Structures are given as C-alpha cells and as structure tokens.
C-alpha cells in the first residue's frame, strides 16, 4: 500500500473531528489490506462474519466461502494451492474433504485449518 497522502480533509462536528475524507484510491487500497488482515489476525477458531454468511445464506461450502471472501477466482486459488482449477472445483463442491486437504488449502491461503471447519 502506498504511503498516505497529505490530502486528507477533516470534517468537524461541534468543534471535534468527526470524519476524515481521503482520496478514493487510497480508500480502496485500505479496504483490500483490511480484508487480508482480518483473515490472518483472527484466532484459529474464529471465522469472519462474511464467510459464515456465504455458507448460511448462499449455501456455499466453507472452502468456496473462504475463496470468495479472499477475492480469488478458482484459477488463482488453485494456483496458490498447487492444484488444477478442476481439482479445486471438486474440492469446493465436496463436504467430505480430508483434514490434510483442508490444511494444505489453509496454509496456501494464509488462514488456519480450523477456520475451514464450520
């Protein structure tokens, strides 16, 4: 992420800083960085709300939900794991993956294997 600009506007309310306005490009960079930090700074037994929501509301498997949350398409995600896109598709659609498979995916994606157990 680039260094923050000096072009920050502070909006005051009742004499106190209430809002900071930054350039949109920096805002989007910060959001991407925050998404990455959230996934890696959680405890091993914690899953982001967004991941759980994809499982519960869209019916995605936990693996697909994590991939979507981490903003990767199947090809990118599979490459990180060292498998083909077709193999990842099969894994994503299965509810009976081996613990060793979950660990390999978690390690490749920078999350804890326990976070694959929802």
PDB file of N, CA and C in Angstrom:
ATOM      1  N   UNK A   1       0.853  -1.165   0.000  1.00  0.00           N
ATOM      2  CA  UNK A   1       0.000   0.000   0.000  1.00  0.00           C
ATOM      3  C   UNK A   1       0.897   1.226   0.000  1.00  0.00           C
ATOM      4  N   UNK A   2       0.537   2.219  -0.766  1.00  0.00           N
ATOM      5  CA  UNK A   2       1.330   3.430  -0.833  1.00  0.00           C
ATOM      6  C   UNK A   2       1.168   4.237   0.448  1.00  0.00           C
ATOM      7  N   UNK A   3       2.111   5.130   0.662  1.00  0.00           N
ATOM      8  CA  UNK A   3       2.033   5.994   1.843  1.00  0.00           C
ATOM      9  C   UNK A   3       0.802   6.879   1.724  1.00  0.00           C
ATOM     10  N   UNK A   4       0.246   7.217   2.864  1.00  0.00           N
ATOM     11  CA  UNK A   4      -0.937   8.070   2.853  1.00  0.00           C
ATOM     12  C   UNK A   4      -0.597   9.456   2.332  1.00  0.00           C
ATOM     13  N   UNK A   5      -1.533  10.030   1.666  1.00  0.00           N
ATOM     14  CA  UNK A   5      -1.363  11.351   1.101  1.00  0.00           C
ATOM     15  C   UNK A   5      -1.542  12.424   2.171  1.00  0.00           C
ATOM     16  N   UNK A   6      -1.084  13.581   1.868  1.00  0.00           N
ATOM     17  CA  UNK A   6      -1.301  14.739   2.750  1.00  0.00           C
ATOM     18  C   UNK A   6      -2.682  15.334   2.499  1.00  0.00           C
ATOM     19  N   UNK A   7      -3.356  14.839   1.461  1.00  0.00           N
ATOM     20  CA  UNK A   7      -4.637  15.380   1.050  1.00  0.00           C
ATOM     21  C   UNK A   7      -5.792  14.724   1.813  1.00  0.00           C
ATOM     22  N   UNK A   8      -5.825  14.932   3.127  1.00  0.00           N
ATOM     23  CA  UNK A   8      -6.889  14.401   3.971  1.00  0.00           C
ATOM     24  C   UNK A   8      -7.701  15.571   4.501  1.00  0.00           C
ATOM     25  N   UNK A   9      -9.007  15.473   4.355  1.00  0.00           N
ATOM     26  CA  UNK A   9      -9.896  16.522   4.843  1.00  0.00           C
ATOM     27  C   UNK A   9     -10.548  16.037   6.138  1.00  0.00           C
ATOM     28  N   UNK A  10     -10.528  16.868   7.147  1.00  0.00           N
ATOM     29  CA  UNK A  10     -11.175  16.540   8.414  1.00  0.00           C
ATOM     30  C   UNK A  10     -12.457  17.344   8.523  1.00  0.00           C
ATOM     31  N   UNK A  11     -13.544  16.664   8.815  1.00  0.00           N
ATOM     32  CA  UNK A  11     -14.834  17.328   8.997  1.00  0.00           C
ATOM     33  C   UNK A  11     -15.105  17.411  10.490  1.00  0.00           C
ATOM     34  N   UNK A  12     -15.337  18.612  10.951  1.00  0.00           N
ATOM     35  CA  UNK A  12     -15.554  18.867  12.371  1.00  0.00           C
ATOM     36  C   UNK A  12     -17.047  18.914  12.677  1.00  0.00           C
ATOM     37  N   UNK A  13     -17.413  18.392  13.837  1.00  0.00           N
ATOM     38  CA  UNK A  13     -18.774  18.477  14.344  1.00  0.00           C
ATOM     39  C   UNK A  13     -18.671  18.945  15.803  1.00  0.00           C
ATOM     40  N   UNK A  14     -19.323  20.071  16.073  1.00  0.00           N
ATOM     41  CA  UNK A  14     -19.270  20.656  17.418  1.00  0.00           C
ATOM     42  C   UNK A  14     -17.839  20.866  17.897  1.00  0.00           C
ATOM     43  N   UNK A  15     -16.975  21.275  16.988  1.00  0.00           N
ATOM     44  CA  UNK A  15     -15.600  21.585  17.346  1.00  0.00           C
ATOM     45  C   UNK A  15     -14.684  20.385  17.511  1.00  0.00           C
ATOM     46  N   UNK A  16     -15.160  19.187  17.192  1.00  0.00           N
ATOM     47  CA  UNK A  16     -14.351  17.976  17.328  1.00  0.00           C
ATOM     48  C   UNK A  16     -14.280  17.255  15.986  1.00  0.00           C
ATOM     49  N   UNK A  17     -13.123  16.625  15.696  1.00  0.00           N
ATOM     50  CA  UNK A  17     -13.028  15.864  14.446  1.00  0.00           C
ATOM     51  C   UNK A  17     -14.043  14.726  14.450  1.00  0.00           C
ATOM     52  N   UNK A  18     -14.839  14.636  13.391  1.00  0.00           N
ATOM     53  CA  UNK A  18     -15.867  13.600  13.312  1.00  0.00           C
ATOM     54  C   UNK A  18     -15.638  12.657  12.129  1.00  0.00           C
ATOM     55  N   UNK A  19     -15.078  13.179  11.038  1.00  0.00           N
ATOM     56  CA  UNK A  19     -14.869  12.374   9.842  1.00  0.00           C
ATOM     57  C   UNK A  19     -13.553  12.767   9.189  1.00  0.00           C
ATOM     58  N   UNK A  20     -12.931  11.780   8.544  1.00  0.00           N
ATOM     59  CA  UNK A  20     -11.746  12.047   7.731  1.00  0.00           C
ATOM     60  C   UNK A  20     -12.085  11.625   6.314  1.00  0.00           C
ATOM     61  N   UNK A  21     -11.823  12.492   5.357  1.00  0.00           N
ATOM     62  CA  UNK A  21     -12.096  12.209   3.954  1.00  0.00           C
ATOM     63  C   UNK A  21     -10.754  12.006   3.267  1.00  0.00           C
ATOM     64  N   UNK A  22     -10.606  10.855   2.610  1.00  0.00           N
ATOM     65  CA  UNK A  22      -9.362  10.541   1.915  1.00  0.00           C
ATOM     66  C   UNK A  22      -9.661  10.262   0.445  1.00  0.00           C
ATOM     67  N   UNK A  23      -8.650  10.344  -0.405  1.00  0.00           N
ATOM     68  CA  UNK A  23      -8.875  10.029  -1.820  1.00  0.00           C
ATOM     69  C   UNK A  23      -9.406   8.596  -1.983  1.00  0.00           C
ATOM     70  N   UNK A  24     -10.295   8.413  -2.934  1.00  0.00           N
ATOM     71  CA  UNK A  24     -10.958   7.126  -3.127  1.00  0.00           C
ATOM     72  C   UNK A  24      -9.955   6.007  -3.402  1.00  0.00           C
ATOM     73  N   UNK A  25      -8.930   6.269  -4.162  1.00  0.00           N
ATOM     74  CA  UNK A  25      -7.932   5.242  -4.477  1.00  0.00           C
ATOM     75  C   UNK A  25      -7.294   4.712  -3.190  1.00  0.00           C
ATOM     76  N   UNK A  26      -6.984   5.587  -2.269  1.00  0.00           N
ATOM     77  CA  UNK A  26      -6.401   5.156  -1.004  1.00  0.00           C
ATOM     78  C   UNK A  26      -7.416   4.384  -0.162  1.00  0.00           C
ATOM     79  N   UNK A  27      -8.665   4.807  -0.227  1.00  0.00           N
ATOM     80  CA  UNK A  27      -9.720   4.101   0.494  1.00  0.00           C
ATOM     81  C   UNK A  27      -9.813   2.649   0.017  1.00  0.00           C
ATOM     82  N   UNK A  28      -9.817   2.433  -1.305  1.00  0.00           N
ATOM     83  CA  UNK A  28      -9.935   1.072  -1.823  1.00  0.00           C
ATOM     84  C   UNK A  28      -8.699   0.247  -1.470  1.00  0.00           C
ATOM     85  N   UNK A  29      -7.515   0.858  -1.472  1.00  0.00           N
ATOM     86  CA  UNK A  29      -6.304   0.142  -1.071  1.00  0.00           C
ATOM     87  C   UNK A  29      -6.392  -0.269   0.396  1.00  0.00           C
ATOM     88  N   UNK A  30      -6.890   0.606   1.230  1.00  0.00           N
ATOM     89  CA  UNK A  30      -7.027   0.308   2.649  1.00  0.00           C
ATOM     90  C   UNK A  30      -8.037  -0.812   2.878  1.00  0.00           C
ATOM     91  N   UNK A  31      -9.129  -0.808   2.123  1.00  0.00           N
ATOM     92  CA  UNK A  31     -10.147  -1.856   2.263  1.00  0.00           C
ATOM     93  C   UNK A  31      -9.573  -3.223   1.896  1.00  0.00           C
ATOM     94  N   UNK A  32      -8.811  -3.275   0.790  1.00  0.00           N
ATOM     95  CA  UNK A  32      -8.197  -4.547   0.390  1.00  0.00           C
ATOM     96  C   UNK A  32      -7.235  -5.038   1.467  1.00  0.00           C
ATOM     97  N   UNK A  33      -6.435  -4.144   1.998  1.00  0.00           N
ATOM     98  CA  UNK A  33      -5.479  -4.508   3.039  1.00  0.00           C
ATOM     99  C   UNK A  33      -6.207  -4.971   4.289  1.00  0.00           C
ATOM    100  N   UNK A  34      -7.277  -4.317   4.661  1.00  0.00           N
ATOM    101  CA  UNK A  34      -8.046  -4.690   5.840  1.00  0.00           C
ATOM    102  C   UNK A  34      -8.641  -6.085   5.687  1.00  0.00           C
ATOM    103  N   UNK A  35      -9.141  -6.424   4.504  1.00  0.00           N
ATOM    104  CA  UNK A  35      -9.693  -7.760   4.269  1.00  0.00           C
ATOM    105  C   UNK A  35      -8.625  -8.818   4.534  1.00  0.00           C
ATOM    106  N   UNK A  36      -7.410  -8.579   4.038  1.00  0.00           N
ATOM    107  CA  UNK A  36      -6.325  -9.521   4.236  1.00  0.00           C
ATOM    108  C   UNK A  36      -5.962  -9.627   5.712  1.00  0.00           C
ATOM    109  N   UNK A  37      -5.889  -8.514   6.389  1.00  0.00           N
ATOM    110  CA  UNK A  37      -5.530  -8.529   7.799  1.00  0.00           C
ATOM    111  C   UNK A  37      -6.576  -9.246   8.636  1.00  0.00           C
ATOM    112  N   UNK A  38      -7.831  -9.050   8.335  1.00  0.00           N
ATOM    113  CA  UNK A  38      -8.884  -9.698   9.104  1.00  0.00           C
ATOM    114  C   UNK A  38      -8.734 -11.206   9.061  1.00  0.00           C
ATOM    115  N   UNK A  39      -8.458 -11.751   7.908  1.00  0.00           N
ATOM    116  CA  UNK A  39      -8.364 -13.201   7.771  1.00  0.00           C
ATOM    117  C   UNK A  39      -7.165 -13.762   8.513  1.00  0.00           C
ATOM    118  N   UNK A  40      -6.085 -13.041   8.554  1.00  0.00           N
ATOM    119  CA  UNK A  40      -4.868 -13.571   9.153  1.00  0.00           C
ATOM    120  C   UNK A  40      -4.707 -13.218  10.618  1.00  0.00           C
ATOM    121  N   UNK A  41      -5.453 -12.276  11.127  1.00  0.00           N
ATOM    122  CA  UNK A  41      -5.300 -11.874  12.523  1.00  0.00           C
ATOM    123  C   UNK A  41      -6.359 -12.460  13.441  1.00  0.00           C
ATOM    124  N   UNK A  42      -7.194 -13.315  12.919  1.00  0.00           N
ATOM    125  CA  UNK A  42      -8.212 -13.955  13.739  1.00  0.00           C
ATOM    126  C   UNK A  42      -7.601 -15.113  14.512  1.00  0.00           C
ATOM    127  N   UNK A  43      -8.256 -15.486  15.602  1.00  0.00           N
ATOM    128  CA  UNK A  43      -7.860 -16.686  16.333  1.00  0.00           C
ATOM    129  C   UNK A  43      -8.209 -17.902  15.484  1.00  0.00           C
ATOM    130  N   UNK A  44      -7.544 -19.030  15.733  1.00  0.00           N
ATOM    131  CA  UNK A  44      -7.789 -20.226  14.915  1.00  0.00           C
ATOM    132  C   UNK A  44      -9.244 -20.672  14.865  1.00  0.00           C
ATOM    133  N   UNK A  45     -10.018 -20.385  15.898  1.00  0.00           N
ATOM    134  CA  UNK A  45     -11.414 -20.839  15.907  1.00  0.00           C
ATOM    135  C   UNK A  45     -12.402 -19.762  15.479  1.00  0.00           C
ATOM    136  N   UNK A  46     -11.916 -18.639  14.973  1.00  0.00           N
ATOM    137  CA  UNK A  46     -12.788 -17.549  14.532  1.00  0.00           C
ATOM    138  C   UNK A  46     -12.916 -17.531  13.004  1.00  0.00           C
ATOM    139  N   UNK A  47     -14.116 -17.251  12.548  1.00  0.00           N
ATOM    140  CA  UNK A  47     -14.401 -17.148  11.117  1.00  0.00           C
ATOM    141  C   UNK A  47     -15.079 -15.807  10.887  1.00  0.00           C
ATOM    142  N   UNK A  48     -14.635 -15.028   9.892  1.00  0.00           N
ATOM    143  CA  UNK A  48     -15.280 -13.751   9.623  1.00  0.00           C
ATOM    144  C   UNK A  48     -16.776 -13.908   9.342  1.00  0.00           C
ATOM    145  N   UNK A  49     -17.535 -12.924   9.760  1.00  0.00           N
ATOM    146  CA  UNK A  49     -18.987 -12.924   9.551  1.00  0.00           C
ATOM    147  C   UNK A  49     -19.319 -13.133   8.074  1.00  0.00           C
ATOM    148  N   UNK A  50     -18.563 -12.511   7.193  1.00  0.00           N
ATOM    149  CA  UNK A  50     -18.830 -12.597   5.763  1.00  0.00           C
ATOM    150  C   UNK A  50     -18.709 -14.038   5.251  1.00  0.00           C
ATOM    151  N   UNK A  51     -17.747 -14.797   5.804  1.00  0.00           N
ATOM    152  CA  UNK A  51     -17.575 -16.192   5.398  1.00  0.00           C
ATOM    153  C   UNK A  51     -18.781 -17.015   5.860  1.00  0.00           C
ATOM    154  N   UNK A  52     -19.141 -16.857   7.124  1.00  0.00           N
ATOM    155  CA  UNK A  52     -20.289 -17.595   7.667  1.00  0.00           C
ATOM    156  C   UNK A  52     -21.569 -17.247   6.905  1.00  0.00           C
ATOM    157  N   UNK A  53     -21.720 -15.992   6.540  1.00  0.00           N
ATOM    158  CA  UNK A  53     -22.908 -15.551   5.815  1.00  0.00           C
ATOM    159  C   UNK A  53     -23.007 -16.231   4.448  1.00  0.00           C
ATOM    160  N   UNK A  54     -21.877 -16.390   3.767  1.00  0.00           N
ATOM    161  CA  UNK A  54     -21.884 -17.078   2.470  1.00  0.00           C
ATOM    162  C   UNK A  54     -22.303 -18.540   2.625  1.00  0.00           C
ATOM    163  N   UNK A  55     -21.861 -19.167   3.713  1.00  0.00           N
ATOM    164  CA  UNK A  55     -22.238 -20.561   3.973  1.00  0.00           C
ATOM    165  C   UNK A  55     -23.732 -20.647   4.267  1.00  0.00           C
ATOM    166  N   UNK A  56     -24.201 -19.790   5.155  1.00  0.00           N
ATOM    167  CA  UNK A  56     -25.590 -19.875   5.612  1.00  0.00           C
ATOM    168  C   UNK A  56     -26.604 -19.350   4.603  1.00  0.00           C
ATOM    169  N   UNK A  57     -26.315 -18.229   3.972  1.00  0.00           N
ATOM    170  CA  UNK A  57     -27.297 -17.607   3.093  1.00  0.00           C
ATOM    171  C   UNK A  57     -27.211 -18.069   1.645  1.00  0.00           C
ATOM    172  N   UNK A  58     -26.007 -18.378   1.171  1.00  0.00           N
ATOM    173  CA  UNK A  58     -25.859 -18.773  -0.235  1.00  0.00           C
ATOM    174  C   UNK A  58     -25.664 -20.274  -0.395  1.00  0.00           C
ATOM    175  N   UNK A  59     -25.444 -20.972   0.723  1.00  0.00           N
ATOM    176  CA  UNK A  59     -25.261 -22.414   0.647  1.00  0.00           C
ATOM    177  C   UNK A  59     -23.902 -22.839   0.124  1.00  0.00           C
ATOM    178  N   UNK A  60     -22.930 -21.920   0.125  1.00  0.00           N
ATOM    179  CA  UNK A  60     -21.582 -22.260  -0.321  1.00  0.00           C
ATOM    180  C   UNK A  60     -20.934 -23.188   0.703  1.00  0.00           C
ATOM    181  N   UNK A  61     -19.988 -24.004   0.254  1.00  0.00           N
ATOM    182  CA  UNK A  61     -19.176 -24.766   1.195  1.00  0.00           C
ATOM    183  C   UNK A  61     -18.215 -23.790   1.864  1.00  0.00           C
ATOM    184  N   UNK A  62     -17.626 -24.221   2.964  1.00  0.00           N
ATOM    185  CA  UNK A  62     -16.694 -23.343   3.676  1.00  0.00           C
ATOM    186  C   UNK A  62     -15.493 -22.986   2.800  1.00  0.00           C
ATOM    187  N   UNK A  63     -15.032 -23.919   1.993  1.00  0.00           N
ATOM    188  CA  UNK A  63     -13.873 -23.648   1.138  1.00  0.00           C
ATOM    189  C   UNK A  63     -14.217 -22.595   0.089  1.00  0.00           C
ATOM    190  N   UNK A  64     -15.353 -22.736  -0.552  1.00  0.00           N
ATOM    191  CA  UNK A  64     -15.768 -21.739  -1.545  1.00  0.00           C
ATOM    192  C   UNK A  64     -15.996 -20.389  -0.874  1.00  0.00           C
ATOM    193  N   UNK A  65     -16.584 -20.397   0.301  1.00  0.00           N
ATOM    194  CA  UNK A  65     -16.846 -19.148   1.018  1.00  0.00           C
ATOM    195  C   UNK A  65     -15.545 -18.418   1.333  1.00  0.00           C
ATOM    196  N   UNK A  66     -14.529 -19.144   1.791  1.00  0.00           N
ATOM    197  CA  UNK A  66     -13.233 -18.515   2.054  1.00  0.00           C
ATOM    198  C   UNK A  66     -12.614 -17.969   0.773  1.00  0.00           C
ATOM    199  N   UNK A  67     -12.707 -18.738  -0.315  1.00  0.00           N
ATOM    200  CA  UNK A  67     -12.131 -18.268  -1.581  1.00  0.00           C
ATOM    201  C   UNK A  67     -12.790 -16.975  -2.031  1.00  0.00           C
ATOM    202  N   UNK A  68     -14.107 -16.924  -1.955  1.00  0.00           N
ATOM    203  CA  UNK A  68     -14.844 -15.720  -2.344  1.00  0.00           C
ATOM    204  C   UNK A  68     -14.464 -14.566  -1.412  1.00  0.00           C
ATOM    205  N   UNK A  69     -14.411 -14.827  -0.120  1.00  0.00           N
ATOM    206  CA  UNK A  69     -14.049 -13.802   0.863  1.00  0.00           C
ATOM    207  C   UNK A  69     -12.654 -13.243   0.585  1.00  0.00           C
ATOM    208  N   UNK A  70     -11.735 -14.113   0.190  1.00  0.00           N
ATOM    209  CA  UNK A  70     -10.361 -13.686  -0.093  1.00  0.00           C
ATOM    210  C   UNK A  70     -10.216 -13.098  -1.497  1.00  0.00           C
ATOM    211  N   UNK A  71     -11.332 -12.998  -2.198  1.00  0.00           N
ATOM    212  CA  UNK A  71     -11.395 -12.367  -3.520  1.00  0.00           C
ATOM    213  C   UNK A  71     -10.482 -13.027  -4.551  1.00  0.00           C
ATOM    214  N   UNK A  72     -10.575 -14.342  -4.616  1.00  0.00           N
ATOM    215  CA  UNK A  72      -9.815 -15.100  -5.607  1.00  0.00           C
ATOM    216  C   UNK A  72     -10.790 -15.869  -6.487  1.00  0.00           C
ATOM    217  N   UNK A  73     -10.475 -15.958  -7.775  1.00  0.00           N
ATOM    218  CA  UNK A  73     -11.248 -16.857  -8.617  1.00  0.00           C
ATOM    219  C   UNK A  73     -10.658 -18.259  -8.447  1.00  0.00           C
ATOM    220  N   UNK A  74     -11.325 -19.266  -8.991  1.00  0.00           N
ATOM    221  CA  UNK A  74     -10.854 -20.639  -8.795  1.00  0.00           C
ATOM    222  C   UNK A  74      -9.448 -20.863  -9.342  1.00  0.00           C
ATOM    223  N   UNK A  75      -9.157 -20.261 -10.463  1.00  0.00           N
ATOM    224  CA  UNK A  75      -7.834 -20.455 -11.062  1.00  0.00           C
ATOM    225  C   UNK A  75      -6.733 -19.896 -10.168  1.00  0.00           C
ATOM    226  N   UNK A  76      -6.926 -18.670  -9.657  1.00  0.00           N
ATOM    227  CA  UNK A  76      -5.938 -18.061  -8.756  1.00  0.00           C
ATOM    228  C   UNK A  76      -5.774 -18.878  -7.478  1.00  0.00           C
ATOM    229  N   UNK A  77      -6.897 -19.283  -6.906  1.00  0.00           N
ATOM    230  CA  UNK A  77      -6.879 -20.033  -5.654  1.00  0.00           C
ATOM    231  C   UNK A  77      -6.200 -21.387  -5.837  1.00  0.00           C
ATOM    232  N   UNK A  78      -6.499 -22.055  -6.933  1.00  0.00           N
ATOM    233  CA  UNK A  78      -5.900 -23.360  -7.203  1.00  0.00           C
ATOM    234  C   UNK A  78      -4.389 -23.243  -7.403  1.00  0.00           C
ATOM    235  N   UNK A  79      -3.974 -22.196  -8.084  1.00  0.00           N
ATOM    236  CA  UNK A  79      -2.543 -21.982  -8.320  1.00  0.00           C
ATOM    237  C   UNK A  79      -1.797 -21.820  -6.996  1.00  0.00           C
ATOM    238  N   UNK A  80      -2.386 -21.096  -6.052  1.00  0.00           N
ATOM    239  CA  UNK A  80      -1.752 -20.929  -4.743  1.00  0.00           C
ATOM    240  C   UNK A  80      -1.604 -22.261  -4.010  1.00  0.00           C
ATOM    241  N   UNK A  81      -2.565 -23.147  -4.203  1.00  0.00           N
ATOM    242  CA  UNK A  81      -2.549 -24.451  -3.545  1.00  0.00           C
ATOM    243  C   UNK A  81      -1.605 -25.415  -4.272  1.00  0.00           C
ATOM    244  N   UNK A  82      -1.448 -25.201  -5.575  1.00  0.00           N
ATOM    245  CA  UNK A  82      -0.622 -26.097  -6.382  1.00  0.00           C
ATOM    246  C   UNK A  82      -1.414 -27.225  -7.004  1.00  0.00           C
ATOM    247  N   UNK A  83      -2.692 -26.931  -7.295  1.00  0.00           N
ATOM    248  CA  UNK A  83      -3.566 -27.914  -7.931  1.00  0.00           C
ATOM    249  C   UNK A  83      -4.235 -27.267  -9.142  1.00  0.00           C
ATOM    250  N   UNK A  84      -4.975 -28.053  -9.895  1.00  0.00           N
ATOM    251  CA  UNK A  84      -5.685 -27.504 -11.052  1.00  0.00           C
ATOM    252  C   UNK A  84      -6.992 -26.850 -10.609  1.00  0.00           C
ATOM    253  N   UNK A  85      -7.521 -26.023 -11.475  1.00  0.00           N
ATOM    254  CA  UNK A  85      -8.813 -25.385 -11.212  1.00  0.00           C
ATOM    255  C   UNK A  85      -9.899 -26.450 -11.106  1.00  0.00           C
ATOM    256  N   UNK A  86      -9.828 -27.482 -11.936  1.00  0.00           N
ATOM    257  CA  UNK A  86     -10.830 -28.558 -11.905  1.00  0.00           C
ATOM    258  C   UNK A  86     -10.785 -29.296 -10.566  1.00  0.00           C
ATOM    259  N   UNK A  87      -9.592 -29.533 -10.053  1.00  0.00           N
ATOM    260  CA  UNK A  87      -9.461 -30.210  -8.758  1.00  0.00           C
ATOM    261  C   UNK A  87     -10.048 -29.354  -7.644  1.00  0.00           C
ATOM    262  N   UNK A  88      -9.784 -28.057  -7.693  1.00  0.00           N
ATOM    263  CA  UNK A  88     -10.349 -27.165  -6.669  1.00  0.00           C
ATOM    264  C   UNK A  88     -11.869 -27.148  -6.765  1.00  0.00           C
ATOM    265  N   UNK A  89     -12.401 -27.155  -7.956  1.00  0.00           N
ATOM    266  CA  UNK A  89     -13.847 -27.179  -8.131  1.00  0.00           C
ATOM    267  C   UNK A  89     -14.456 -28.401  -7.445  1.00  0.00           C
ATOM    268  N   UNK A  90     -13.820 -29.558  -7.615  1.00  0.00           N
ATOM    269  CA  UNK A  90     -14.304 -30.773  -6.959  1.00  0.00           C
ATOM    270  C   UNK A  90     -14.220 -30.654  -5.436  1.00  0.00           C
ATOM    271  N   UNK A  91     -13.107 -30.118  -4.956  1.00  0.00           N
ATOM    272  CA  UNK A  91     -12.920 -29.945  -3.512  1.00  0.00           C
ATOM    273  C   UNK A  91     -13.969 -28.988  -2.955  1.00  0.00           C
ATOM    274  N   UNK A  92     -14.192 -27.886  -3.669  1.00  0.00           N
ATOM    275  CA  UNK A  92     -15.176 -26.891  -3.212  1.00  0.00           C
ATOM    276  C   UNK A  92     -16.581 -27.470  -3.122  1.00  0.00           C
ATOM    277  N   UNK A  93     -16.906 -28.408  -3.977  1.00  0.00           N
ATOM    278  CA  UNK A  93     -18.251 -28.969  -4.008  1.00  0.00           C
ATOM    279  C   UNK A  93     -18.425 -30.166  -3.079  1.00  0.00           C
ATOM    280  N   UNK A  94     -17.347 -30.584  -2.436  1.00  0.00           N
ATOM    281  CA  UNK A  94     -17.412 -31.730  -1.536  1.00  0.00           C
ATOM    282  C   UNK A  94     -17.596 -31.270  -0.092  1.00  0.00           C
ATOM    283  N   UNK A  95     -18.327 -32.045   0.659  1.00  0.00           N
ATOM    284  CA  UNK A  95     -18.478 -31.763   2.097  1.00  0.00           C
ATOM    285  C   UNK A  95     -17.677 -32.752   2.923  1.00  0.00           C
ATOM    286  N   UNK A  96     -16.898 -33.618   2.243  1.00  0.00           N
ATOM    287  CA  UNK A  96     -16.131 -34.654   2.941  1.00  0.00           C
ATOM    288  C   UNK A  96     -14.664 -34.604   2.540  1.00  0.00           C
ATOM    289  N   UNK A  97     -14.019 -33.459   2.736  1.00  0.00           N
ATOM    290  CA  UNK A  97     -12.603 -33.334   2.416  1.00  0.00           C
ATOM    291  C   UNK A  97     -11.755 -33.817   3.586  1.00  0.00           C
ATOM    292  N   UNK A  98     -10.613 -34.379   3.260  1.00  0.00           N
ATOM    293  CA  UNK A  98      -9.680 -34.870   4.275  1.00  0.00           C
ATOM    294  C   UNK A  98      -9.084 -33.694   5.045  1.00  0.00           C
ATOM    295  N   UNK A  99      -8.777 -33.899   6.320  1.00  0.00           N
ATOM    296  CA  UNK A  99      -8.106 -32.849   7.096  1.00  0.00           C
ATOM    297  C   UNK A  99      -6.796 -32.397   6.446  1.00  0.00           C
ATOM    298  N   UNK A 100      -6.080 -33.312   5.822  1.00  0.00           N
ATOM    299  CA  UNK A 100      -4.824 -32.934   5.165  1.00  0.00           C
ATOM    300  C   UNK A 100      -5.076 -31.993   3.982  1.00  0.00           C
ATOM    301  N   UNK A 101      -6.199 -32.187   3.291  1.00  0.00           N
ATOM    302  CA  UNK A 101      -6.569 -31.299   2.181  1.00  0.00           C
ATOM    303  C   UNK A 101      -6.906 -29.916   2.718  1.00  0.00           C
ATOM    304  N   UNK A 102      -7.681 -29.859   3.794  1.00  0.00           N
ATOM    305  CA  UNK A 102      -8.047 -28.571   4.396  1.00  0.00           C
ATOM    306  C   UNK A 102      -6.805 -27.830   4.880  1.00  0.00           C
ATOM    307  N   UNK A 103      -5.860 -28.557   5.474  1.00  0.00           N
ATOM    308  CA  UNK A 103      -4.630 -27.928   5.962  1.00  0.00           C
ATOM    309  C   UNK A 103      -3.825 -27.355   4.803  1.00  0.00           C
ATOM    310  N   UNK A 104      -3.728 -28.111   3.724  1.00  0.00           N
ATOM    311  CA  UNK A 104      -2.978 -27.642   2.559  1.00  0.00           C
ATOM    312  C   UNK A 104      -3.585 -26.361   1.992  1.00  0.00           C
ATOM    313  N   UNK A 105      -4.909 -26.325   1.898  1.00  0.00           N
ATOM    314  CA  UNK A 105      -5.595 -25.133   1.388  1.00  0.00           C
ATOM    315  C   UNK A 105      -5.400 -23.963   2.343  1.00  0.00           C
ATOM    316  N   UNK A 106      -5.617 -24.209   3.618  1.00  0.00           N
ATOM    317  CA  UNK A 106      -5.478 -23.147   4.618  1.00  0.00           C
ATOM    318  C   UNK A 106      -4.072 -22.566   4.598  1.00  0.00           C
ATOM    319  N   UNK A 107      -3.068 -23.414   4.566  1.00  0.00           N
ATOM    320  CA  UNK A 107      -1.682 -22.942   4.526  1.00  0.00           C
ATOM    321  C   UNK A 107      -1.430 -22.084   3.290  1.00  0.00           C
ATOM    322  N   UNK A 108      -1.953 -22.523   2.153  1.00  0.00           N
ATOM    323  CA  UNK A 108      -1.752 -21.789   0.899  1.00  0.00           C
ATOM    324  C   UNK A 108      -2.462 -20.443   0.897  1.00  0.00           C
ATOM    325  N   UNK A 109      -3.610 -20.370   1.576  1.00  0.00           N
ATOM    326  CA  UNK A 109      -4.404 -19.146   1.576  1.00  0.00           C
ATOM    327  C   UNK A 109      -4.132 -18.261   2.787  1.00  0.00           C
ATOM    328  N   UNK A 110      -3.276 -18.693   3.691  1.00  0.00           N
ATOM    329  CA  UNK A 110      -2.905 -17.862   4.837  1.00  0.00           C
ATOM    330  C   UNK A 110      -3.943 -17.814   5.944  1.00  0.00           C
ATOM    331  N   UNK A 111      -4.677 -18.899   6.122  1.00  0.00           N
ATOM    332  CA  UNK A 111      -5.635 -18.969   7.210  1.00  0.00           C
ATOM    333  C   UNK A 111      -5.347 -20.229   8.021  1.00  0.00           C
ATOM    334  N   UNK A 112      -6.042 -20.383   9.143  1.00  0.00           N
ATOM    335  CA  UNK A 112      -5.856 -21.564   9.982  1.00  0.00           C
ATOM    336  C   UNK A 112      -6.720 -22.722   9.460  1.00  0.00           C
ATOM    337  N   UNK A 113      -6.197 -23.959   9.530  1.00  0.00           N
ATOM    338  CA  UNK A 113      -7.013 -25.114   9.121  1.00  0.00           C
ATOM    339  C   UNK A 113      -8.329 -25.195   9.912  1.00  0.00           C
ATOM    340  N   UNK A 114      -8.303 -24.813  11.175  1.00  0.00           N
ATOM    341  CA  UNK A 114      -9.506 -24.852  11.997  1.00  0.00           C
ATOM    342  C   UNK A 114     -10.607 -23.930  11.458  1.00  0.00           C
ATOM    343  N   UNK A 115     -10.218 -22.913  10.709  1.00  0.00           N
ATOM    344  CA  UNK A 115     -11.202 -21.989  10.153  1.00  0.00           C
ATOM    345  C   UNK A 115     -11.948 -22.601   8.958  1.00  0.00           C
ATOM    346  N   UNK A 116     -11.492 -23.771   8.530  1.00  0.00           N
ATOM    347  CA  UNK A 116     -12.170 -24.490   7.444  1.00  0.00           C
ATOM    348  C   UNK A 116     -13.227 -25.433   7.992  1.00  0.00           C
ATOM    349  N   UNK A 117     -13.377 -25.482   9.291  1.00  0.00           N
ATOM    350  CA  UNK A 117     -14.308 -26.417   9.936  1.00  0.00           C
ATOM    351  C   UNK A 117     -15.498 -25.651  10.476  1.00  0.00           C
ATOM    352  N   UNK A 118     -16.430 -25.338   9.632  1.00  0.00           N
ATOM    353  CA  UNK A 118     -17.632 -24.601  10.063  1.00  0.00           C
ATOM    354  C   UNK A 118     -18.816 -25.530  10.122  1.00  0.00           C
TER     355      UNK A 118
END
